[in-house]
Amino acid sequence: MKRQPLEPTLEDIERQHLRRRRATVVAYPEKGSHVEVIVDGRKLVDFSSNDYLGLAAHPALAAAMAECAERCGAGSGASHLISGHGHEHAALEEELAAFVGRPRALLFSTGYMANLGVVSALASRGESVLLDRLSHASLIDAGLLSGARFRRYPHCDADAARRLLAESTPQTSVLATDGVFSMDGDIAPLAALSQAARAHEAWLVVDDAHGIGVLGANGRGAVELAGLGCDDVPVLVGTLGKAFGTFGAFVSGSQDLIELLIQRARSYIYTTALPQPVAAATRAALKIAREEPWRRERALALTARFRAAAHEAGVPLADSVTPIQPIPLGDARIALAAQQALREAGFWVVAIRPPTVPAGSERLRVTLTAGHEGNQVDALVGALAEALRRIRASSAPS
């Protein structure tokens, strides 16, 4: 096929208010927080970060990273299976496994690569992969690229998942879901999904990128919150770049599961290992997360404060009790207008539009962190209410 010009495609994206533009965001790391940022020369309060425990700019993480870089160098230089697997990697894998209460953990360079590696190792041609309809893009791509038959069940509908498992031909090898859904903030029905997966001998894979560190009595995430263990959820995926404030990902489970991934997960085998300084910084973050439970308690308390104030102010809310708080607006143009109004009021809250969310479910995505102050949360709600009032008034028929 002849190469076509790209300009018409870009113009079409622009007409639909779906063009994405990057902003250069400068934080204030000297304050030990990423809450206050500068965007295009203007200071804003950031309510879009996934830094739930307020650790990304913590001085202990920076010190651990600097010390390790001085000792080990900046890069790993090779894949884990060649010469790139160092002491900091091994120690972090042991500490992550202990943190989530599982026999073993395996580091990946990104959460995307972790999901690709897991699904492709556990499912292949002649088998089937079943996902929640709103699963993260990395799980969807993993299902498609695995070569297995790929299907999705309605969002958080465990009964539908059970029916599809029973009807599955070929037999389902993997049933996968987010633990906390990244754009909706709601929590998967993990207990019911676990029962369904066990009944049909499928691997249950839970990507709990947004739950680990935040939910559960010990911060072990949505799986702990549901009262489930390794036998109930044999494959747990987590990221390091959200609650733990660094970069990378891990998969945790049984000894045999991790050994299989080392042998078969192409996204683990054929990529350079995570730099050791990042692993060292993550070890520091894990220590803080264990020793300072007030961080997750504060993030959840501020979430409750936000929801109560938003309800009182008439700001629409989705059904989420996690620090991810979507403000449903249903129109890309309105979502962008709301983002701009909040920016003018001193807040950085990003509009979420297709293809990240389905058409008609455009929204603002507010996230609460341990680094926020109560008065910042209250001020955001006031600015949200005013922005939405003005947008509705300007959209009303004259």
Protein backbone atom coordinates (compact mmCIF):
# COMPACT_ATOMS: atom_id res chain seq x y z
CA MET A 1 0.00 0.00 0.00
CA LYS A 2 1.24 3.47 -0.89
CA ARG A 3 2.39 5.57 2.04
CA GLN A 4 -0.34 8.09 2.91
CA PRO A 5 0.17 11.62 4.29
CA LEU A 6 -0.35 11.89 8.06
CA GLU A 7 -1.75 15.41 8.17
CA PRO A 8 -5.42 14.40 7.51
CA THR A 9 -5.30 11.90 10.36
CA LEU A 10 -3.88 14.48 12.74
CA GLU A 11 -6.48 17.02 11.65
CA ASP A 12 -9.25 14.50 12.31
CA ILE A 13 -7.89 13.85 15.82
CA GLU A 14 -7.84 17.60 16.42
CA ARG A 15 -11.45 18.05 15.24
CA GLN A 16 -12.63 15.44 17.73
CA HIS A 17 -10.82 17.22 20.61
CA LEU A 18 -8.70 14.10 21.06
CA ARG A 19 -5.23 15.39 20.26
CA ARG A 20 -2.80 14.80 23.12
CA ARG A 21 -0.22 17.41 24.04
CA ARG A 22 2.62 16.97 26.44
CA ALA A 23 3.31 19.52 29.13
CA THR A 24 6.75 20.00 30.63
CA VAL A 25 6.18 19.64 34.36
CA VAL A 26 8.84 20.82 36.83
CA ALA A 27 8.51 19.64 40.44
CA TYR A 28 9.94 20.99 43.69
CA PRO A 29 12.00 18.02 44.92
CA GLU A 30 13.69 20.13 47.59
CA LYS A 31 10.34 20.20 49.39
CA GLY A 32 10.23 16.39 49.50
CA SER A 33 7.03 16.32 47.49
CA HIS A 34 5.75 16.45 43.93
CA VAL A 35 2.52 18.16 44.94
CA GLU A 36 3.56 21.63 43.78
CA VAL A 37 4.71 21.79 40.16
CA ILE A 38 5.46 24.41 37.53
CA VAL A 39 3.78 24.00 34.15
CA ASP A 40 4.73 26.51 31.45
CA GLY A 41 6.03 28.91 34.07
CA ARG A 42 3.00 28.75 36.36
CA LYS A 43 2.93 27.13 39.81
CA LEU A 44 0.10 24.60 40.16
CA VAL A 45 -1.04 22.02 42.70
CA ASP A 46 -0.78 18.61 41.03
CA PHE A 47 -3.85 16.40 41.42
CA SER A 48 -2.94 14.04 38.54
CA SER A 49 0.08 12.19 39.92
CA ASN A 50 0.12 8.49 40.86
CA ASP A 51 2.61 9.23 43.65
CA TYR A 52 0.07 8.01 46.23
CA LEU A 53 2.40 7.80 49.23
CA GLY A 54 4.30 10.99 48.41
CA LEU A 55 7.61 9.15 47.98
CA ALA A 56 8.77 10.16 44.49
CA ALA A 57 10.73 13.15 45.80
CA HIS A 58 11.57 11.77 49.24
CA PRO A 59 15.22 12.55 50.11
CA ALA A 60 15.87 8.99 51.31
CA LEU A 61 15.12 7.65 47.83
CA ALA A 62 17.37 10.22 46.16
CA ALA A 63 20.17 9.41 48.61
CA ALA A 64 19.86 5.67 48.02
CA MET A 65 19.89 6.18 44.27
CA ALA A 66 22.93 8.47 44.37
CA GLU A 67 24.91 6.17 46.66
CA CYS A 68 24.17 3.14 44.47
CA ALA A 69 25.06 5.01 41.28
CA GLU A 70 28.40 5.98 42.84
CA ARG A 71 29.00 2.35 43.80
CA CYS A 72 27.49 0.43 40.86
CA GLY A 73 27.23 2.93 37.99
CA ALA A 74 24.16 4.37 36.31
CA GLY A 75 23.15 1.45 34.07
CA SER A 76 22.95 -2.33 34.27
CA GLY A 77 24.66 -2.90 30.95
CA ALA A 78 22.90 -6.13 30.00
CA SER A 79 19.81 -8.25 30.54
CA HIS A 80 19.24 -10.11 33.80
CA LEU A 81 20.22 -13.44 32.21
CA ILE A 82 23.52 -12.18 30.79
CA SER A 83 25.40 -9.96 33.24
CA GLY A 84 22.86 -7.32 34.28
CA HIS A 85 21.44 -8.95 37.44
CA GLY A 86 23.05 -7.31 40.46
CA HIS A 87 22.89 -7.40 44.24
CA GLU A 88 20.31 -4.60 44.43
CA HIS A 89 18.01 -6.50 42.04
CA ALA A 90 18.26 -9.69 44.08
CA ALA A 91 17.67 -7.89 47.37
CA LEU A 92 14.71 -5.95 46.01
CA GLU A 93 13.07 -9.10 44.64
CA GLU A 94 13.34 -10.73 48.07
CA GLU A 95 11.94 -7.64 49.81
CA LEU A 96 9.06 -7.26 47.36
CA ALA A 97 8.11 -10.91 47.84
CA ALA A 98 8.13 -10.41 51.61
CA PHE A 99 6.11 -7.20 51.32
CA VAL A 100 3.27 -8.83 49.36
CA GLY A 101 3.51 -12.11 51.30
CA ARG A 102 4.51 -14.43 48.45
CA PRO A 103 7.32 -16.93 47.94
CA ARG A 104 9.10 -15.07 45.16
CA ALA A 105 9.08 -11.94 42.97
CA LEU A 106 10.62 -11.07 39.59
CA LEU A 107 11.57 -7.58 38.45
CA PHE A 108 10.50 -6.20 35.05
CA SER A 109 11.53 -2.92 33.48
CA THR A 110 7.91 -1.67 33.15
CA GLY A 111 4.41 -2.75 34.10
CA TYR A 112 3.60 -3.04 30.40
CA MET A 113 6.43 -5.54 29.96
CA ALA A 114 5.38 -7.46 33.08
CA ASN A 115 1.86 -8.03 31.73
CA LEU A 116 3.14 -8.95 28.27
CA GLY A 117 5.56 -11.42 29.81
CA VAL A 118 3.06 -13.06 32.14
CA VAL A 119 0.21 -13.54 29.68
CA SER A 120 2.43 -14.73 26.83
CA ALA A 121 4.15 -17.23 29.15
CA LEU A 122 0.88 -18.67 30.49
CA ALA A 123 -1.27 -18.64 27.32
CA SER A 124 -0.55 -19.39 23.69
CA ARG A 125 -2.22 -20.55 20.47
CA GLY A 126 -4.91 -23.11 21.12
CA GLU A 127 -5.81 -21.53 24.45
CA SER A 128 -7.97 -18.61 25.57
CA VAL A 129 -7.47 -15.34 27.49
CA LEU A 130 -10.37 -13.62 29.26
CA LEU A 131 -10.15 -10.00 30.46
CA ASP A 132 -12.32 -7.40 32.16
CA ARG A 133 -13.53 -4.99 29.49
CA LEU A 134 -11.83 -2.03 31.20
CA SER A 135 -8.52 -3.76 31.86
CA HIS A 136 -5.37 -1.73 31.31
CA ALA A 137 -4.09 -1.42 27.74
CA SER A 138 -1.06 -3.55 28.62
CA LEU A 139 -3.28 -6.51 29.53
CA ILE A 140 -5.32 -6.05 26.36
CA ASP A 141 -2.19 -5.97 24.22
CA ALA A 142 -0.82 -8.96 26.09
CA GLY A 143 -3.95 -10.94 25.26
CA LEU A 144 -3.81 -9.94 21.61
CA LEU A 145 -0.10 -10.65 21.23
CA SER A 146 -0.22 -14.00 23.03
CA GLY A 147 -1.81 -15.67 20.00
CA ALA A 148 -4.52 -17.17 22.20
CA ARG A 149 -8.23 -16.58 21.64
CA PHE A 150 -8.98 -13.25 23.29
CA ARG A 151 -12.30 -12.25 24.86
CA ARG A 152 -13.58 -9.69 27.37
CA TYR A 153 -16.39 -9.75 29.91
CA PRO A 154 -18.46 -6.74 31.11
CA HIS A 155 -16.69 -4.54 33.64
CA CYS A 156 -16.51 -6.04 37.15
CA ASP A 157 -19.11 -8.67 36.25
CA ALA A 158 -17.86 -11.87 37.88
CA ASP A 159 -21.02 -13.77 36.90
CA ALA A 160 -20.40 -12.99 33.24
CA ALA A 161 -16.78 -14.08 33.61
CA ARG A 162 -17.93 -17.35 35.16
CA ARG A 163 -20.35 -18.00 32.28
CA LEU A 164 -17.69 -17.31 29.66
CA LEU A 165 -15.26 -19.60 31.46
CA ALA A 166 -17.86 -22.38 31.41
CA GLU A 167 -18.57 -21.83 27.71
CA SER A 168 -14.95 -21.42 26.71
CA THR A 169 -13.66 -23.43 23.77
CA PRO A 170 -10.71 -23.72 23.84
CA GLN A 171 -10.38 -23.80 27.63
CA THR A 172 -9.40 -20.48 29.19
CA SER A 173 -5.78 -20.47 30.32
CA VAL A 174 -5.70 -16.93 31.78
CA LEU A 175 -8.36 -14.81 33.49
CA ALA A 176 -6.92 -11.33 34.06
CA THR A 177 -8.08 -8.08 35.61
CA ASP A 178 -6.83 -4.87 37.16
CA GLY A 179 -7.04 -4.86 40.95
CA VAL A 180 -7.85 -1.15 41.05
CA PHE A 181 -8.88 0.21 37.65
CA SER A 182 -6.61 3.05 36.66
CA MET A 183 -9.19 5.37 35.09
CA ASP A 184 -12.26 4.44 37.17
CA GLY A 185 -10.74 3.86 40.60
CA ASP A 186 -13.09 0.99 41.40
CA ILE A 187 -11.95 -2.40 42.69
CA ALA A 188 -12.38 -5.72 40.89
CA PRO A 189 -14.56 -8.42 42.55
CA LEU A 190 -11.48 -10.50 43.25
CA ALA A 191 -13.02 -13.10 45.57
CA ALA A 192 -15.69 -14.05 43.01
CA LEU A 193 -13.17 -14.03 40.15
CA SER A 194 -10.85 -16.25 42.17
CA GLN A 195 -13.61 -18.78 42.73
CA ALA A 196 -14.46 -18.79 39.03
CA ALA A 197 -10.84 -19.19 37.95
CA ARG A 198 -10.21 -22.06 40.36
CA ALA A 199 -13.38 -23.84 39.30
CA HIS A 200 -12.23 -23.79 35.67
CA GLU A 201 -8.49 -24.28 36.33
CA ALA A 202 -7.51 -20.90 34.85
CA TRP A 203 -4.62 -18.72 35.99
CA LEU A 204 -5.96 -15.60 37.72
CA VAL A 205 -3.68 -12.65 36.94
CA VAL A 206 -4.28 -9.44 38.92
CA ASP A 207 -2.51 -6.26 37.84
CA ASP A 208 -2.68 -4.27 41.07
CA ALA A 209 -0.53 -1.35 39.97
CA HIS A 210 -2.81 1.18 41.68
CA GLY A 211 -3.63 -0.87 44.77
CA ILE A 212 -0.29 -2.12 46.09
CA GLY A 213 1.09 0.26 48.71
CA VAL A 214 -2.29 1.91 49.25
CA LEU A 215 -4.98 -0.66 50.06
CA GLY A 216 -5.13 -3.39 52.69
CA ALA A 217 -4.11 -3.51 56.34
CA ASN A 218 -0.43 -3.80 55.38
CA GLY A 219 -0.52 -1.99 52.04
CA ARG A 220 -0.46 -5.25 50.07
CA GLY A 221 -3.22 -3.97 47.82
CA ALA A 222 -6.61 -5.08 46.58
CA VAL A 223 -5.78 -8.77 47.02
CA GLU A 224 -5.10 -8.24 50.72
CA LEU A 225 -8.19 -6.05 51.03
CA ALA A 226 -10.25 -8.96 49.65
CA GLY A 227 -8.71 -11.36 52.16
CA LEU A 228 -7.07 -13.49 49.46
CA GLY A 229 -3.71 -15.20 49.31
CA CYS A 230 -1.32 -16.70 46.79
CA ASP A 231 -3.45 -19.81 46.22
CA ASP A 232 -6.48 -17.60 45.44
CA VAL A 233 -4.59 -15.17 43.19
CA PRO A 234 -1.57 -17.07 41.86
CA VAL A 235 -0.20 -14.19 39.74
CA LEU A 236 0.12 -10.70 41.23
CA VAL A 237 1.58 -7.86 39.14
CA GLY A 238 2.64 -4.58 40.71
CA THR A 239 4.48 -1.45 39.64
CA LEU A 240 7.18 0.56 41.38
CA GLY A 241 6.38 3.90 39.74
CA LYS A 242 3.18 4.66 41.61
CA ALA A 243 2.91 4.21 45.40
CA PHE A 244 6.65 3.43 45.67
CA GLY A 245 7.66 6.52 43.70
CA THR A 246 10.38 5.04 41.47
CA PHE A 247 10.20 3.05 38.22
CA GLY A 248 9.73 -0.52 37.04
CA ALA A 249 7.46 -3.43 37.93
CA PHE A 250 7.37 -6.90 39.40
CA VAL A 251 5.45 -10.17 39.24
CA SER A 252 5.03 -12.24 42.41
CA GLY A 253 3.83 -15.77 43.01
CA SER A 254 5.09 -19.30 43.57
CA GLN A 255 8.64 -20.49 43.05
CA ASP A 256 7.60 -22.41 39.94
CA LEU A 257 5.71 -19.46 38.44
CA ILE A 258 8.73 -17.17 38.71
CA GLU A 259 11.03 -19.86 37.33
CA LEU A 260 8.71 -20.31 34.33
CA LEU A 261 8.72 -16.56 33.67
CA ILE A 262 12.52 -16.49 33.74
CA GLN A 263 12.50 -19.19 31.07
CA ARG A 264 9.61 -17.99 28.89
CA ALA A 265 8.75 -14.32 29.41
CA ARG A 266 10.29 -12.69 26.37
CA SER A 267 9.83 -9.16 27.76
CA TYR A 268 12.03 -10.23 30.69
CA ILE A 269 14.61 -12.25 28.81
CA TYR A 270 15.29 -9.85 25.95
CA THR A 271 15.67 -6.46 27.61
CA THR A 272 18.26 -4.62 29.66
CA ALA A 273 17.83 -4.98 33.41
CA LEU A 274 16.44 -2.11 35.46
CA PRO A 275 19.33 0.13 36.62
CA GLN A 276 20.54 -0.88 40.08
CA PRO A 277 20.19 2.69 41.46
CA VAL A 278 16.46 2.48 40.73
CA ALA A 279 16.29 -0.80 42.63
CA ALA A 280 18.17 0.76 45.55
CA ALA A 281 15.77 3.70 45.66
CA THR A 282 12.82 1.29 45.60
CA ARG A 283 14.25 -0.61 48.56
CA ALA A 284 14.31 2.69 50.45
CA ALA A 285 10.69 3.33 49.43
CA LEU A 286 9.61 -0.11 50.63
CA LYS A 287 11.23 0.53 54.01
CA ILE A 288 9.37 3.83 54.38
CA ALA A 289 6.08 2.28 53.27
CA ARG A 290 6.44 -0.42 55.93
CA GLU A 291 7.50 1.95 58.70
CA GLU A 292 5.14 4.85 57.95
CA PRO A 293 1.61 3.46 57.49
CA TRP A 294 0.28 6.97 58.08
CA ARG A 295 1.04 7.69 54.43
CA ARG A 296 -1.58 5.32 53.03
CA GLU A 297 -3.95 6.26 55.87
CA ARG A 298 -3.60 9.93 54.94
CA ALA A 299 -4.13 9.30 51.23
CA LEU A 300 -7.36 7.44 51.99
CA ALA A 301 -8.51 10.04 54.54
CA LEU A 302 -8.00 12.83 52.00
CA THR A 303 -9.92 10.75 49.48
CA ALA A 304 -12.87 10.56 51.88
CA ARG A 305 -12.60 14.31 52.50
CA PHE A 306 -12.63 15.02 48.78
CA ARG A 307 -15.68 12.83 48.19
CA ALA A 308 -17.64 14.39 51.04
CA ALA A 309 -16.85 17.92 49.89
CA ALA A 310 -17.56 17.12 46.24
CA HIS A 311 -20.91 15.59 47.12
CA GLU A 312 -21.81 18.67 49.14
CA ALA A 313 -20.77 20.96 46.26
CA GLY A 314 -22.71 19.01 43.63
CA VAL A 315 -19.59 17.82 41.78
CA PRO A 316 -20.37 14.52 39.95
CA LEU A 317 -18.46 11.52 41.24
CA ALA A 318 -17.85 7.96 40.10
CA ASP A 319 -18.18 4.98 42.43
CA SER A 320 -14.65 4.86 43.83
CA VAL A 321 -13.27 4.81 47.36
CA THR A 322 -9.64 4.73 46.21
CA PRO A 323 -7.38 7.77 45.64
CA ILE A 324 -8.41 7.69 41.95
CA GLN A 325 -11.47 9.94 41.70
CA PRO A 326 -12.96 10.34 38.20
CA ILE A 327 -15.23 13.31 37.51
CA PRO A 328 -17.48 12.05 34.68
CA LEU A 329 -18.23 14.67 32.03
CA GLY A 330 -19.08 12.62 28.93
CA ASP A 331 -17.66 14.99 26.32
CA ALA A 332 -14.07 15.62 25.22
CA ARG A 333 -14.60 19.34 24.63
CA ILE A 334 -16.12 19.82 28.09
CA ALA A 335 -13.34 17.80 29.73
CA LEU A 336 -10.69 19.98 28.08
CA ALA A 337 -12.55 23.14 29.10
CA ALA A 338 -12.69 21.92 32.70
CA GLN A 339 -8.98 21.10 32.65
CA GLN A 340 -8.20 24.63 31.42
CA ALA A 341 -10.46 26.24 34.02
CA LEU A 342 -8.75 24.34 36.82
CA ARG A 343 -5.35 25.30 35.44
CA GLU A 344 -6.35 28.95 35.58
CA ALA A 345 -7.45 28.38 39.18
CA GLY A 346 -4.05 26.92 40.10
CA PHE A 347 -4.59 23.15 39.75
CA TRP A 348 -3.13 20.53 37.42
CA VAL A 349 -5.86 17.98 36.65
CA VAL A 350 -5.73 16.24 33.28
CA ALA A 351 -8.70 15.47 31.02
CA ILE A 352 -8.98 11.79 30.08
CA ARG A 353 -10.39 11.10 26.61
CA PRO A 354 -10.61 8.24 24.10
CA PRO A 355 -8.92 5.93 23.41
CA THR A 356 -7.87 5.82 27.08
CA VAL A 357 -11.56 5.63 28.04
CA PRO A 358 -14.57 4.72 25.86
CA ALA A 359 -16.27 7.50 23.90
CA GLY A 360 -18.97 9.10 26.02
CA SER A 361 -17.10 8.50 29.26
CA GLU A 362 -14.67 11.44 29.03
CA ARG A 363 -13.66 12.74 32.44
CA LEU A 364 -11.28 14.54 34.69
CA ARG A 365 -9.14 12.17 36.74
CA VAL A 366 -8.34 13.50 40.21
CA THR A 367 -5.81 11.62 42.34
CA LEU A 368 -5.18 12.17 46.04
CA THR A 369 -1.82 11.56 47.69
CA ALA A 370 -0.25 11.64 51.13
CA GLY A 371 1.55 14.81 50.07
CA HIS A 372 -1.61 16.89 49.71
CA GLU A 373 -2.97 19.20 52.41
CA GLY A 374 -6.60 19.33 53.46
CA ASN A 375 -6.95 22.97 52.42
CA GLN A 376 -5.65 22.08 48.93
CA VAL A 377 -8.33 19.40 48.62
CA ASP A 378 -11.04 21.84 49.74
CA ALA A 379 -9.81 24.49 47.32
CA LEU A 380 -9.81 21.98 44.44
CA VAL A 381 -13.44 21.06 45.13
CA GLY A 382 -14.41 24.73 45.13
CA ALA A 383 -12.61 25.31 41.84
CA LEU A 384 -14.20 22.20 40.33
CA ALA A 385 -17.69 23.30 41.33
CA GLU A 386 -17.15 26.78 39.88
CA ALA A 387 -15.60 25.47 36.67
CA LEU A 388 -18.46 23.06 36.05
CA ARG A 389 -21.05 25.75 36.85
CA ARG A 390 -19.52 28.08 34.27
CA ILE A 391 -19.20 25.36 31.63
CA ARG A 392 -22.83 24.30 32.09
CA ALA A 393 -24.00 27.91 31.92
CA SER A 394 -22.10 28.56 28.70
CA SER A 395 -23.44 25.33 27.16
CA ALA A 396 -27.08 25.96 28.12
CA PRO A 397 -29.43 27.01 25.25
CA SER A 398 -30.14 30.75 25.26
